[in-house]
N, C-alpha and C. Protein backbone atom coordinates (compact mmCIF):
# COMPACT_ATOMS: atom_id res chain seq x y z
N MET A 1 49.16 -5.98 -18.15
CA MET A 1 48.90 -5.34 -16.55
C MET A 1 47.38 -4.23 -17.45
N ILE A 2 47.67 -3.80 -18.64
CA ILE A 2 46.50 -2.77 -18.61
C ILE A 2 45.62 -3.71 -19.14
N ALA A 3 45.73 -5.38 -19.96
CA ALA A 3 44.53 -6.00 -19.90
C ALA A 3 43.93 -6.51 -18.84
N THR A 4 45.23 -6.65 -17.21
CA THR A 4 44.01 -7.16 -16.23
C THR A 4 43.34 -6.31 -15.26
N LYS A 5 43.65 -4.67 -15.74
CA LYS A 5 42.84 -4.13 -14.90
C LYS A 5 41.46 -3.69 -15.90
N ASN A 6 41.66 -3.63 -17.05
CA ASN A 6 40.58 -3.37 -18.16
C ASN A 6 39.78 -4.40 -17.80
N ALA A 7 40.26 -5.35 -17.75
CA ALA A 7 39.35 -6.66 -17.24
C ALA A 7 38.67 -6.69 -15.61
N ALA A 8 39.46 -6.60 -14.38
CA ALA A 8 38.73 -5.40 -13.72
C ALA A 8 37.67 -5.11 -13.63
N VAL A 9 37.82 -3.59 -14.28
CA VAL A 9 37.14 -2.61 -14.56
C VAL A 9 35.91 -3.08 -15.26
N LYS A 10 35.90 -4.13 -16.31
CA LYS A 10 34.47 -4.81 -16.68
C LYS A 10 34.22 -5.34 -15.98
N GLU A 11 34.97 -5.91 -14.57
CA GLU A 11 34.34 -7.20 -13.97
C GLU A 11 33.03 -6.42 -13.21
N LEU A 12 33.76 -5.08 -12.93
CA LEU A 12 33.43 -4.06 -11.30
C LEU A 12 31.81 -3.35 -11.75
N SER A 13 32.00 -3.16 -13.28
CA SER A 13 31.08 -2.60 -14.10
C SER A 13 29.76 -3.26 -14.06
N LYS A 14 30.40 -4.95 -14.69
CA LYS A 14 29.34 -5.72 -14.88
C LYS A 14 28.40 -5.96 -13.46
N ASN A 15 29.31 -6.12 -12.40
CA ASN A 15 28.71 -6.06 -10.98
C ASN A 15 27.81 -4.94 -10.68
N PHE A 16 28.28 -3.91 -11.08
CA PHE A 16 27.90 -2.66 -10.59
C PHE A 16 25.74 -3.14 -11.51
N ILE A 17 25.96 -2.95 -13.09
CA ILE A 17 25.58 -2.94 -13.49
C ILE A 17 23.75 -4.44 -13.41
N LYS A 18 24.63 -5.39 -12.56
CA LYS A 18 23.68 -6.64 -11.65
C LYS A 18 22.91 -5.42 -10.31
N LYS A 19 23.75 -5.27 -9.48
CA LYS A 19 23.60 -4.42 -8.70
C LYS A 19 22.04 -3.55 -9.09
N CYS A 20 22.36 -2.65 -9.97
CA CYS A 20 21.32 -1.95 -10.11
C CYS A 20 20.14 -2.49 -10.70
N GLU A 21 20.60 -3.60 -11.10
CA GLU A 21 19.01 -3.99 -11.70
C GLU A 21 18.57 -5.06 -10.62
N ASP A 22 19.39 -5.69 -9.34
CA ASP A 22 18.27 -6.17 -8.42
C ASP A 22 17.61 -4.82 -7.70
N LEU A 23 17.99 -3.57 -7.67
CA LEU A 23 17.77 -2.81 -6.99
C LEU A 23 16.41 -1.91 -7.83
N THR A 24 16.46 -2.27 -9.35
CA THR A 24 14.96 -1.93 -10.06
C THR A 24 13.65 -2.01 -8.86
N MET A 25 12.93 -0.47 -9.42
CA MET A 25 11.78 -0.72 -8.54
C MET A 25 10.99 -1.58 -9.42
N LYS A 26 9.70 -2.28 -8.21
CA LYS A 26 8.76 -3.05 -8.76
C LYS A 26 7.58 -2.47 -8.95
N THR A 27 6.25 -2.04 -10.14
CA THR A 27 5.47 -1.44 -10.47
C THR A 27 4.16 -2.37 -10.22
N PHE A 28 3.45 -1.99 -10.04
CA PHE A 28 2.21 -2.40 -9.64
C PHE A 28 1.57 -3.39 -9.90
N SER A 29 1.28 -3.68 -11.23
CA SER A 29 1.70 -5.25 -12.03
C SER A 29 2.12 -6.29 -11.81
N GLU A 30 3.95 -5.90 -11.32
CA GLU A 30 4.79 -7.03 -10.76
C GLU A 30 4.41 -6.91 -9.72
N LYS A 31 4.10 -6.30 -8.59
CA LYS A 31 3.56 -6.71 -7.05
C LYS A 31 2.99 -7.70 -6.92
N VAL A 32 1.63 -6.75 -7.91
CA VAL A 32 0.05 -7.80 -7.60
C VAL A 32 0.30 -9.61 -8.22
N SER A 33 1.35 -9.70 -9.16
CA SER A 33 1.43 -10.65 -9.71
C SER A 33 2.25 -11.46 -9.38
N GLU A 34 3.42 -11.09 -8.06
CA GLU A 34 4.31 -11.97 -7.14
C GLU A 34 3.85 -11.79 -6.21
N ALA A 35 2.95 -11.38 -5.35
CA ALA A 35 2.02 -11.42 -4.24
C ALA A 35 0.96 -12.58 -4.48
N ARG A 36 0.64 -13.07 -5.91
CA ARG A 36 -0.57 -14.15 -6.11
C ARG A 36 -0.11 -14.56 -6.13
N ASN A 37 1.33 -15.09 -6.63
CA ASN A 37 1.86 -16.55 -6.63
C ASN A 37 2.44 -17.08 -5.59
N LEU A 38 3.23 -16.31 -4.83
CA LEU A 38 3.60 -16.52 -3.27
C LEU A 38 2.39 -16.36 -2.36
N ARG A 39 1.01 -16.52 -2.68
CA ARG A 39 0.51 -16.46 -2.04
C ARG A 39 -0.64 -18.26 -2.11
N LYS A 40 0.44 -18.32 -3.71
CA LYS A 40 -0.36 -19.60 -4.56
C LYS A 40 -1.89 -19.75 -4.64
N LEU A 41 -2.22 -18.64 -4.97
CA LEU A 41 -4.02 -18.17 -5.61
C LEU A 41 -4.18 -18.03 -7.17
N SER A 42 -5.00 -18.55 -7.68
CA SER A 42 -5.15 -17.99 -9.36
C SER A 42 -5.82 -16.75 -9.49
N GLN A 43 -5.55 -16.54 -10.89
CA GLN A 43 -6.32 -15.42 -10.89
C GLN A 43 -7.84 -14.96 -10.47
N MET A 44 -8.40 -16.02 -11.00
CA MET A 44 -9.33 -16.51 -10.75
C MET A 44 -9.78 -16.36 -8.91
N LYS A 45 -9.31 -17.48 -8.14
CA LYS A 45 -9.61 -17.53 -6.62
C LYS A 45 -9.28 -15.74 -6.29
N LEU A 46 -8.23 -15.27 -6.81
CA LEU A 46 -8.30 -13.66 -6.72
C LEU A 46 -9.24 -12.81 -6.85
N ALA A 47 -9.37 -13.32 -8.00
CA ALA A 47 -10.56 -12.31 -8.61
C ALA A 47 -11.77 -12.34 -7.78
N GLU A 48 -12.35 -13.47 -7.35
CA GLU A 48 -13.45 -13.99 -6.21
C GLU A 48 -13.28 -13.35 -4.88
N MET A 49 -11.91 -13.18 -4.52
CA MET A 49 -12.14 -12.56 -3.14
C MET A 49 -11.90 -11.22 -3.01
N VAL A 50 -11.39 -10.89 -4.51
CA VAL A 50 -11.35 -9.23 -4.16
C VAL A 50 -12.69 -8.57 -4.47
N GLY A 51 -13.61 -9.67 -5.53
CA GLY A 51 -15.20 -9.38 -5.62
C GLY A 51 -14.96 -8.39 -7.06
N VAL A 52 -13.66 -8.66 -7.89
CA VAL A 52 -14.07 -8.48 -9.57
C VAL A 52 -13.88 -9.58 -10.73
N SER A 53 -13.74 -9.02 -11.98
CA SER A 53 -13.40 -10.51 -12.31
C SER A 53 -12.29 -10.95 -12.67
N ASP A 54 -12.08 -12.04 -13.10
CA ASP A 54 -10.52 -12.13 -13.56
C ASP A 54 -9.89 -11.62 -14.19
N ARG A 55 -11.17 -11.42 -15.06
CA ARG A 55 -10.08 -10.24 -16.45
C ARG A 55 -9.70 -8.96 -15.92
N ALA A 56 -10.40 -8.87 -14.73
CA ALA A 56 -9.32 -7.51 -13.81
C ALA A 56 -8.11 -7.83 -13.41
N ILE A 57 -8.37 -8.64 -12.66
CA ILE A 57 -7.33 -9.06 -12.75
C ILE A 57 -5.52 -9.89 -13.19
N LYS A 58 -6.04 -9.69 -14.10
CA LYS A 58 -5.25 -10.08 -15.56
C LYS A 58 -4.78 -8.62 -15.91
N SER A 59 -6.00 -7.75 -16.20
CA SER A 59 -5.71 -6.49 -16.44
C SER A 59 -3.86 -5.63 -15.80
N TYR A 60 -5.07 -5.80 -14.10
CA TYR A 60 -4.04 -5.75 -13.32
C TYR A 60 -2.22 -5.94 -13.54
N GLU A 61 -2.94 -7.30 -13.42
CA GLU A 61 -1.21 -7.64 -13.85
C GLU A 61 -0.45 -7.55 -15.02
N LYS A 62 -1.18 -7.09 -16.12
CA LYS A 62 -0.43 -6.80 -17.77
C LYS A 62 -0.18 -5.38 -17.14
N GLY A 63 -0.41 -4.79 -16.57
CA GLY A 63 -0.35 -3.45 -16.64
C GLY A 63 -1.37 -2.82 -17.19
N GLU A 64 -2.33 -3.04 -17.51
CA GLU A 64 -3.44 -2.23 -18.57
C GLU A 64 -4.09 -1.72 -17.60
N LYS A 65 -4.60 -1.83 -16.73
CA LYS A 65 -5.72 -1.16 -15.60
C LYS A 65 -4.97 -1.27 -13.98
N TYR A 66 -5.33 0.07 -13.46
CA TYR A 66 -5.25 0.10 -12.19
C TYR A 66 -6.74 0.06 -11.40
N PRO A 67 -6.77 -0.35 -9.47
CA PRO A 67 -7.95 -0.58 -9.52
C PRO A 67 -8.10 1.21 -9.09
N ARG A 68 -9.69 0.94 -8.46
CA ARG A 68 -10.07 1.95 -7.84
C ARG A 68 -9.74 1.84 -6.65
N ARG A 69 -9.28 2.58 -5.76
CA ARG A 69 -9.14 2.64 -4.53
C ARG A 69 -10.16 1.65 -4.00
N SER A 70 -11.00 2.04 -3.51
CA SER A 70 -12.25 1.09 -2.56
C SER A 70 -11.74 -0.47 -2.97
N THR A 71 -11.38 -0.80 -4.44
CA THR A 71 -10.66 -2.26 -5.09
C THR A 71 -9.00 -2.77 -4.52
N MET A 72 -8.50 -1.21 -4.51
CA MET A 72 -7.33 -1.76 -3.90
C MET A 72 -7.04 -2.10 -2.59
N TYR A 73 -7.97 -1.57 -1.92
CA TYR A 73 -7.98 -1.94 -0.41
C TYR A 73 -8.23 -3.52 -0.17
N LYS A 74 -9.34 -3.91 -0.86
CA LYS A 74 -9.67 -4.99 -0.93
C LYS A 74 -8.87 -6.35 -1.72
N LEU A 75 -8.00 -5.72 -2.68
CA LEU A 75 -6.55 -6.13 -3.42
C LEU A 75 -6.03 -6.65 -2.35
N ALA A 76 -5.13 -5.55 -1.99
CA ALA A 76 -4.11 -5.99 -0.90
C ALA A 76 -4.46 -6.80 0.63
N ARG A 77 -6.18 -6.19 0.46
CA ARG A 77 -6.17 -7.39 2.17
C ARG A 77 -6.09 -9.18 1.56
N ALA A 78 -6.50 -9.35 0.33
CA ALA A 78 -6.69 -10.62 -0.24
C ALA A 78 -5.37 -11.36 -0.53
N LEU A 79 -4.21 -10.17 -0.84
CA LEU A 79 -2.57 -10.50 -1.43
C LEU A 79 -2.02 -10.57 0.04
N GLN A 80 -3.06 -9.96 1.19
CA GLN A 80 -2.25 -9.35 2.19
C GLN A 80 -0.37 -9.05 2.08
N VAL A 81 -0.94 -7.48 1.71
CA VAL A 81 -0.23 -6.38 1.61
C VAL A 81 -0.22 -5.39 1.66
N SER A 82 -0.32 -4.07 1.96
CA SER A 82 -0.76 -3.39 2.58
C SER A 82 -0.83 -1.91 0.91
N THR A 83 -0.95 -1.41 0.84
CA THR A 83 -2.02 0.05 -0.10
C THR A 83 -0.68 0.82 -0.86
N THR A 84 0.13 0.93 0.66
CA THR A 84 1.36 1.41 -0.24
C THR A 84 2.24 0.77 -0.54
N TYR A 85 2.03 -0.44 -0.39
CA TYR A 85 2.94 -0.87 -1.20
C TYR A 85 3.02 -1.67 -2.38
N LEU A 86 1.34 -1.62 -2.73
CA LEU A 86 1.24 -1.93 -3.70
C LEU A 86 1.19 -0.41 -4.93
N SER A 87 0.36 0.41 -4.26
CA SER A 87 0.87 1.96 -4.76
C SER A 87 1.89 3.05 -5.32
N ASP A 88 2.83 2.21 -4.41
CA ASP A 88 4.10 2.85 -4.81
C ASP A 88 5.26 2.35 -4.87
N ASP A 89 5.94 2.20 -6.08
CA ASP A 89 6.81 2.04 -7.07
C ASP A 89 7.78 1.88 -6.04
N SER A 90 8.21 2.70 -5.19
CA SER A 90 9.46 2.79 -4.57
C SER A 90 9.46 1.99 -3.31
N CYS A 91 8.24 1.62 -3.04
CA CYS A 91 8.17 0.84 -1.58
C CYS A 91 8.71 -0.54 -1.66
N GLU A 92 8.75 -1.10 -1.07
CA GLU A 92 9.36 -2.90 -1.05
C GLU A 92 9.09 -3.45 0.31
N ASP A 93 8.88 -2.63 1.04
CA ASP A 93 8.32 -3.51 2.38
C ASP A 93 6.73 -4.11 2.24
N PRO A 94 6.35 -5.24 1.75
CA PRO A 94 5.02 -5.21 1.74
C PRO A 94 3.94 -4.94 2.52
N VAL A 95 4.12 -5.23 4.05
CA VAL A 95 4.19 -4.95 4.60
C VAL A 95 3.38 -3.57 5.18
N TYR A 96 4.51 -2.25 4.52
CA TYR A 96 4.86 -0.66 4.98
C TYR A 96 3.46 -0.74 5.23
N GLU A 97 3.57 0.38 6.69
CA GLU A 97 1.72 1.22 6.68
C GLU A 97 0.73 0.22 6.72
N ILE A 98 0.65 -0.93 6.62
CA ILE A 98 -0.26 -2.19 6.55
C ILE A 98 -1.93 -1.78 7.62
N GLU A 99 -1.19 -1.22 8.24
CA GLU A 99 -2.13 -1.44 9.99
C GLU A 99 -2.89 0.07 9.92
N LYS A 100 -2.94 1.02 8.22
CA LYS A 100 -3.12 2.45 8.24
C LYS A 100 -4.55 1.95 7.86
N ASP A 101 -4.57 0.72 6.99
CA ASP A 101 -5.32 -0.09 5.66
C ASP A 101 -6.25 -0.26 6.19
N THR A 102 -6.78 -0.98 7.24
CA THR A 102 -7.82 -0.89 7.80
C THR A 102 -9.11 1.04 8.01
N TYR A 103 -8.12 1.50 9.07
CA TYR A 103 -8.63 2.53 9.08
C TYR A 103 -8.77 3.68 7.98
N LEU A 104 -8.43 3.49 6.79
CA LEU A 104 -8.16 4.41 5.63
C LEU A 104 -9.29 4.04 5.01
N GLU A 105 -9.47 2.16 5.00
CA GLU A 105 -11.18 1.57 4.30
C GLU A 105 -11.82 2.13 5.24
N THR A 106 -12.07 1.98 5.79
CA THR A 106 -13.16 2.38 7.15
C THR A 106 -13.77 3.88 6.66
N ALA A 107 -12.77 4.67 6.31
CA ALA A 107 -13.51 6.03 5.90
C ALA A 107 -13.40 6.24 4.00
N GLN A 108 -12.75 5.33 3.57
CA GLN A 108 -13.52 5.53 2.19
C GLN A 108 -14.90 4.96 2.11
N SER A 109 -15.38 4.06 3.20
CA SER A 109 -17.07 3.36 2.99
C SER A 109 -17.41 4.36 3.44
N ARG A 110 -17.92 5.14 4.19
CA ARG A 110 -18.16 5.99 5.14
C ARG A 110 -18.57 7.46 4.29
N TYR A 111 -17.09 8.20 4.35
CA TYR A 111 -16.75 8.95 3.77
C TYR A 111 -16.55 9.68 2.23
N GLY A 112 -15.96 8.67 1.78
CA GLY A 112 -15.62 8.50 0.61
C GLY A 112 -13.86 9.44 0.31
N ALA A 113 -13.88 9.86 -0.54
CA ALA A 113 -12.43 10.00 -1.10
C ALA A 113 -11.60 11.46 0.16
N SER A 114 -12.21 12.62 -0.10
CA SER A 114 -12.46 13.24 0.92
C SER A 114 -12.37 12.65 2.68
N GLY A 115 -12.66 11.14 3.26
CA GLY A 115 -12.59 10.61 4.75
C GLY A 115 -10.86 10.33 4.66
N VAL A 116 -10.84 9.29 3.54
CA VAL A 116 -9.37 9.56 2.99
C VAL A 116 -8.20 10.10 3.51
N ARG A 117 -8.68 11.06 2.66
CA ARG A 117 -7.70 11.94 2.88
C ARG A 117 -7.50 12.85 4.55
N ASP A 118 -8.87 13.09 4.87
CA ASP A 118 -8.49 13.28 6.27
C ASP A 118 -8.21 13.19 7.30
N VAL A 119 -8.45 11.66 7.08
CA VAL A 119 -7.97 10.26 8.11
C VAL A 119 -6.50 10.31 7.36
N ASP A 120 -5.61 9.78 6.77
CA ASP A 120 -4.51 9.91 6.24
C ASP A 120 -3.92 11.16 6.64
N ARG A 121 -3.78 11.97 6.33
CA ARG A 121 -3.51 13.94 6.84
C ARG A 121 -3.33 13.33 8.37
N LEU A 122 -4.27 13.60 9.03
CA LEU A 122 -4.70 13.27 10.51
C LEU A 122 -3.11 12.12 10.96
N LEU A 123 -3.76 11.40 10.53
CA LEU A 123 -2.21 9.82 11.11
C LEU A 123 -1.05 10.18 10.65
N GLN A 124 -0.29 10.53 9.36
CA GLN A 124 0.52 11.46 8.77
C GLN A 124 0.61 12.69 9.95
N ASP A 125 -0.05 13.38 10.33
CA ASP A 125 0.57 14.80 11.25
C ASP A 125 0.88 14.90 12.42
N ASN A 126 -0.09 13.18 13.26
CA ASN A 126 0.34 13.08 14.24
C ASN A 126 1.13 12.27 14.56
N ALA A 127 1.59 11.20 14.13
CA ALA A 127 2.84 10.66 13.87
C ALA A 127 3.93 11.23 14.21
N ALA A 128 3.99 12.65 13.75
CA ALA A 128 4.80 13.47 14.46
C ALA A 128 5.37 13.71 15.91
N LEU A 129 4.31 13.39 16.54
CA LEU A 129 4.14 13.25 18.43
C LEU A 129 5.10 11.96 18.68
N PHE A 130 5.96 11.26 18.00
CA PHE A 130 6.12 10.16 18.48
C PHE A 130 8.09 10.39 18.05
N ALA A 131 7.80 11.71 17.71
CA ALA A 131 9.53 12.27 17.49
C ALA A 131 10.63 10.78 16.93
N GLY A 132 10.10 10.13 16.23
CA GLY A 132 11.00 9.60 15.91
C GLY A 132 11.37 8.45 16.47
N GLY A 133 10.42 8.16 17.83
CA GLY A 133 10.58 6.76 19.00
C GLY A 133 9.42 5.70 18.21
N GLU A 134 10.09 4.63 18.36
CA GLU A 134 9.69 3.21 17.36
C GLU A 134 8.09 2.91 18.45
N LEU A 135 7.32 2.03 17.58
CA LEU A 135 5.87 1.70 18.70
C LEU A 135 5.82 0.69 18.52
N SER A 136 5.45 0.21 19.20
CA SER A 136 4.80 -1.67 19.11
C SER A 136 3.93 -1.44 18.23
N GLN A 137 3.39 -2.79 17.82
CA GLN A 137 2.67 -3.15 17.00
C GLN A 137 1.07 -2.77 17.35
N GLU A 138 0.96 -3.20 18.71
CA GLU A 138 -0.35 -2.34 19.24
C GLU A 138 -0.16 -1.09 20.22
N GLN A 139 0.77 -0.30 20.64
CA GLN A 139 1.15 0.72 20.67
C GLN A 139 0.30 1.64 18.96
N LYS A 140 0.83 1.07 17.83
CA LYS A 140 0.15 1.83 16.41
C LYS A 140 -1.29 1.65 15.90
N ASP A 141 -1.96 0.26 16.47
CA ASP A 141 -3.00 0.28 16.94
C ASP A 141 -4.30 0.82 17.22
N ALA A 142 -3.69 0.95 18.51
CA ALA A 142 -4.80 1.62 19.67
C ALA A 142 -4.18 3.50 19.19
N PHE A 143 -3.24 3.46 18.40
CA PHE A 143 -3.36 5.47 18.15
C PHE A 143 -4.17 5.32 17.18
N PHE A 144 -4.02 4.37 15.64
CA PHE A 144 -4.76 4.85 15.60
C PHE A 144 -6.06 4.46 15.30
N GLN A 145 -6.52 3.85 16.27
CA GLN A 145 -7.85 3.36 16.83
C GLN A 145 -8.38 4.89 17.28
N ALA A 146 -7.63 4.79 17.95
CA ALA A 146 -8.00 6.70 18.93
C ALA A 146 -8.60 7.75 17.67
N VAL A 147 -7.43 7.86 16.78
CA VAL A 147 -7.41 8.43 15.77
C VAL A 147 -8.75 8.90 15.11
N MET A 148 -8.92 7.36 14.44
CA MET A 148 -10.55 6.94 13.82
C MET A 148 -11.65 7.44 14.40
N THR A 149 -11.20 6.81 15.84
CA THR A 149 -12.93 7.25 16.77
C THR A 149 -12.97 8.84 16.84
N ALA A 150 -12.36 9.65 17.10
CA ALA A 150 -12.30 10.97 16.98
C ALA A 150 -12.43 11.50 15.81
N TYR A 151 -12.18 10.68 14.60
CA TYR A 151 -12.29 11.42 13.51
C TYR A 151 -14.06 11.29 12.91
N VAL A 152 -14.11 9.55 13.38
CA VAL A 152 -15.46 9.52 13.50
C VAL A 152 -16.86 10.52 13.96
N THR A 153 -16.53 10.64 15.37
CA THR A 153 -17.62 10.95 16.33
C THR A 153 -17.42 12.71 16.12
N SER A 154 -16.56 13.26 14.95
CA SER A 154 -16.37 14.81 15.42
C SER A 154 -17.45 14.73 14.03
N LYS A 155 -17.15 13.49 11.90
CA LYS A 155 -17.88 13.84 11.62
C LYS A 155 -19.31 13.55 11.62
N GLU A 156 -19.99 12.54 12.77
CA GLU A 156 -21.21 12.62 12.84
C GLU A 156 -21.47 13.75 13.88
N ALA A 157 -21.07 14.52 14.49
CA ALA A 157 -21.21 15.58 15.59
C ALA A 157 -21.72 16.31 14.61
N ALA A 158 -21.12 16.90 13.29
CA ALA A 158 -21.27 17.48 12.61
C ALA A 158 -22.53 17.39 11.68
N LYS A 159 -22.32 16.17 11.47
CA LYS A 159 -23.28 16.05 9.85
C LYS A 159 -25.35 15.75 11.47
N GLU A 160 -24.78 15.73 12.80
CA GLU A 160 -26.02 15.51 13.07
C GLU A 160 -26.45 17.20 13.58
N LYS A 161 -25.21 17.94 13.60
CA LYS A 161 -25.23 19.71 13.81
C LYS A 161 -26.26 20.10 12.59
N PHE A 162 -25.15 20.08 11.55
CA PHE A 162 -25.51 20.73 10.36
C PHE A 162 -26.03 19.58 9.55
N GLY A 163 -26.78 18.64 9.40
CA GLY A 163 -28.19 17.88 8.45
C GLY A 163 -26.93 17.54 7.40
N HIS A 164 -25.83 17.35 7.34
CA HIS A 164 -25.29 16.63 6.29
C HIS A 164 -23.46 16.94 6.56
N SER A 165 -23.33 15.39 5.58
CA SER A 165 -21.40 15.09 5.87
C SER A 165 -20.93 16.62 5.61
N ASN A 166 -19.33 16.14 6.29
CA ASN A 166 -18.52 17.37 5.53
C ASN A 166 -17.63 17.00 5.16
C-alpha cells in the first residue's frame, strides 16, 4: 500500500515537473528562432527583410546580441509578431499589442526614444478610459490613430512655436 502511494506521488511529481517545464518562458532568442522557422524563413532572408546582416540574426538567435529599438520594430514586422512578444519573456501571445507597434515605430523614427516613451505612456494612460471593456480591432486602430495624430500635431506645433523639437 505504501509502495503504491509512493509510486503515485512520484508520478504526480513527474507530471507536475513536466507541466512546469512546459510553462517555462521563452527568451528573445528562442522566440526569434521559433517565429523565423514558423515563417519558413532562412536567417539570410530574415536578415534581408530586416536590413541587418545574417550574422546579426545568428547572434540574436544564440542570445549573444539584442537589437536596437528601431531594428526590433523591423524584426517584429518581418516575423509578424509584436515587439512586446519579442522583448518580454513573460509574454506568450505573439500578437499581443501588435497594433501599437506601427505607432511606436513612427514615434521612434520622428522623435527618437523620448517619442516612443511619450506615445507609449499616452496609449497606456488612455487605455484606462475603457474601464476594462473590450474593443474591436477597428476601435483599437481608431483610438491609436487619434492619439498618434494628437501627439504629432502637438509636437509639430511646439516645434514651430519654439523652433526645436521637444
